[in-house]
Protein backbone atom coordinates (compact mmCIF):
# COMPACT_ATOMS: atom_id res chain seq x y z
CA UNK A 1 8.70 -18.95 -8.17
CA UNK A 2 8.22 -15.48 -6.70
CA UNK A 3 6.07 -13.14 -8.73
CA UNK A 4 6.01 -9.36 -8.71
CA UNK A 5 2.49 -7.94 -8.81
CA UNK A 6 1.39 -5.78 -11.69
CA UNK A 7 -0.73 -2.71 -12.28
CA UNK A 8 -3.03 -3.30 -15.25
CA UNK A 9 -3.58 -0.09 -17.22
CA UNK A 10 -6.32 0.27 -19.86
CA UNK A 11 -4.94 2.48 -22.63
CA UNK A 12 -8.21 2.76 -24.54
CA UNK A 13 -7.28 -0.08 -26.87
CA UNK A 14 -5.62 -2.73 -24.75
CA UNK A 15 -4.44 -3.62 -21.24
CA UNK A 16 -0.78 -2.99 -20.46
CA UNK A 17 1.12 -4.50 -17.54
CA UNK A 18 3.21 -2.25 -15.32
CA UNK A 19 5.34 -4.14 -12.80
CA UNK A 20 5.19 -3.09 -9.16
CA UNK A 21 8.55 -1.92 -7.77
CA UNK A 22 8.62 -4.65 -5.09
CA UNK A 23 7.44 -8.23 -4.71
CA UNK A 24 4.29 -8.38 -2.62
CA UNK A 25 2.26 -10.97 -0.72
CA UNK A 26 -0.83 -8.76 -0.65
CA UNK A 27 -2.19 -5.43 -1.79
CA UNK A 28 -4.65 -3.33 0.14
CA UNK A 29 -6.76 -0.28 -0.50
CA UNK A 30 -5.79 2.31 -3.05
CA UNK A 31 -6.52 6.00 -3.49
CA UNK A 32 -5.98 8.61 -6.17
CA UNK A 33 -3.20 11.11 -5.54
CA UNK A 34 -5.00 14.13 -7.02
CA UNK A 35 -2.45 14.44 -9.85
CA UNK A 36 -3.35 11.52 -12.13
CA UNK A 37 -1.48 8.89 -10.11
CA UNK A 38 -2.38 6.58 -7.27
CA UNK A 39 -1.37 5.25 -3.86
CA UNK A 40 -1.51 1.52 -3.05
CA UNK A 41 -1.00 -0.17 0.31
CA UNK A 42 1.15 -3.30 0.07
CA UNK A 43 2.65 -6.04 2.20
CA UNK A 44 6.04 -6.91 0.70
CA UNK A 45 7.19 -10.48 0.27
CA UNK A 46 9.85 -11.39 2.81
CA UNK A 47 13.33 -12.17 1.54
CA UNK A 48 12.82 -15.85 2.46
CA UNK A 49 9.77 -16.01 0.17
CA UNK A 50 7.32 -16.80 2.98
CA UNK A 51 5.48 -14.32 5.15
CA UNK A 52 6.58 -14.15 8.78
CA UNK A 53 6.24 -11.40 11.38
CA UNK A 54 9.08 -9.55 9.65
CA UNK A 55 7.06 -9.05 6.46
CA UNK A 56 4.01 -7.56 8.14
CA UNK A 57 5.35 -4.03 7.66
CA UNK A 58 3.13 -2.04 5.38
CA UNK A 59 4.58 -0.12 2.45
CA UNK A 60 2.81 2.66 0.61
CA UNK A 61 3.46 2.50 -3.12
CA UNK A 62 2.97 5.67 -5.16
CA UNK A 63 2.59 5.52 -8.93
CA UNK A 64 2.87 8.96 -10.51
CA UNK A 65 1.20 10.19 -13.68
CA UNK A 66 4.72 10.31 -15.15
CA UNK A 67 5.01 6.53 -14.67
CA UNK A 68 7.49 6.42 -11.78
CA UNK A 69 7.18 4.47 -8.52
CA UNK A 70 8.17 5.52 -5.01
CA UNK A 71 7.79 3.50 -1.81
CA UNK A 72 7.31 4.60 1.78
CA UNK A 73 7.64 2.11 4.64
CA UNK A 74 5.12 2.59 7.45
CA UNK A 75 7.07 1.63 10.57
CA UNK A 76 4.14 0.40 12.67
CA UNK A 77 4.19 -3.26 13.67
CA UNK A 78 1.13 -5.36 12.87
CA UNK A 79 -0.70 -2.58 11.05
CA UNK A 80 -3.58 -3.39 8.72
CA UNK A 81 -5.19 -0.73 6.53
CA UNK A 82 -8.71 -1.27 5.25
CA UNK A 83 -9.57 2.15 3.75
CA UNK A 84 -7.64 5.04 2.22
CA UNK A 85 -8.74 8.36 0.67
CA UNK A 86 -7.15 11.50 -0.71
CA UNK A 87 -7.71 14.48 1.60
CA UNK A 88 -9.59 17.03 -0.55
CA UNK A 89 -7.77 20.29 -1.20
CA UNK A 90 -4.31 18.85 -0.49
CA UNK A 91 -1.34 18.08 -2.70
CA UNK A 92 -1.46 14.32 -2.20
CA UNK A 93 -2.14 13.92 1.54
CA UNK A 94 -4.09 10.82 2.59
CA UNK A 95 -6.35 9.60 5.38
CA UNK A 96 -6.33 5.86 6.08
CA UNK A 97 -8.21 3.71 8.54
CA UNK A 98 -7.24 0.37 9.96
CA UNK A 99 -6.09 -1.40 13.07
CA UNK A 100 -2.99 -2.53 14.93
CA UNK A 101 -2.82 -5.92 16.58
CA UNK A 102 -2.27 -5.03 20.23
CA UNK A 103 -2.13 -8.35 22.06
CA UNK A 104 -0.21 -11.60 22.02
CA UNK A 105 -3.38 -13.60 21.33
CA UNK A 106 -3.78 -12.27 17.79
CA UNK A 107 -7.36 -11.26 18.57
CA UNK A 108 -6.89 -7.86 20.25
CA UNK A 109 -6.89 -4.88 17.89
CA UNK A 110 -6.67 -1.13 18.39
CA UNK A 111 -8.44 0.99 15.74
CA UNK A 112 -6.19 3.61 14.14
CA UNK A 113 -6.47 6.54 11.76
CA UNK A 114 -3.37 7.47 9.79
CA UNK A 115 -2.58 10.74 8.05
CA UNK A 116 0.09 10.80 5.39
CA UNK A 117 1.33 14.17 4.15
CA UNK A 118 0.88 17.72 5.33
């Protein structure tokens, strides 16, 4: 059985479950968007239900204060993100840090800094 992840939201009286817009194998760092929402890095579940090289593409999930989801695919092979922060003074731009696997051995990584937004 494939399961879609959930965002758990404390309403002040109880926890509510908000389904993610995609099925995921893993979630990564998150950051506020500066407008009452948040950004989450995710690794979507492959269509076969098991993770292969094809499901290593990172997707940025955005949950708005209004309760809507948007997704942005980051088209960088073998990218891993380990930190993400809102850029102060921007309308939702982000800095993220991570690495890209750069060799066939699976042990060579190139550090990267990503900027999303303007």
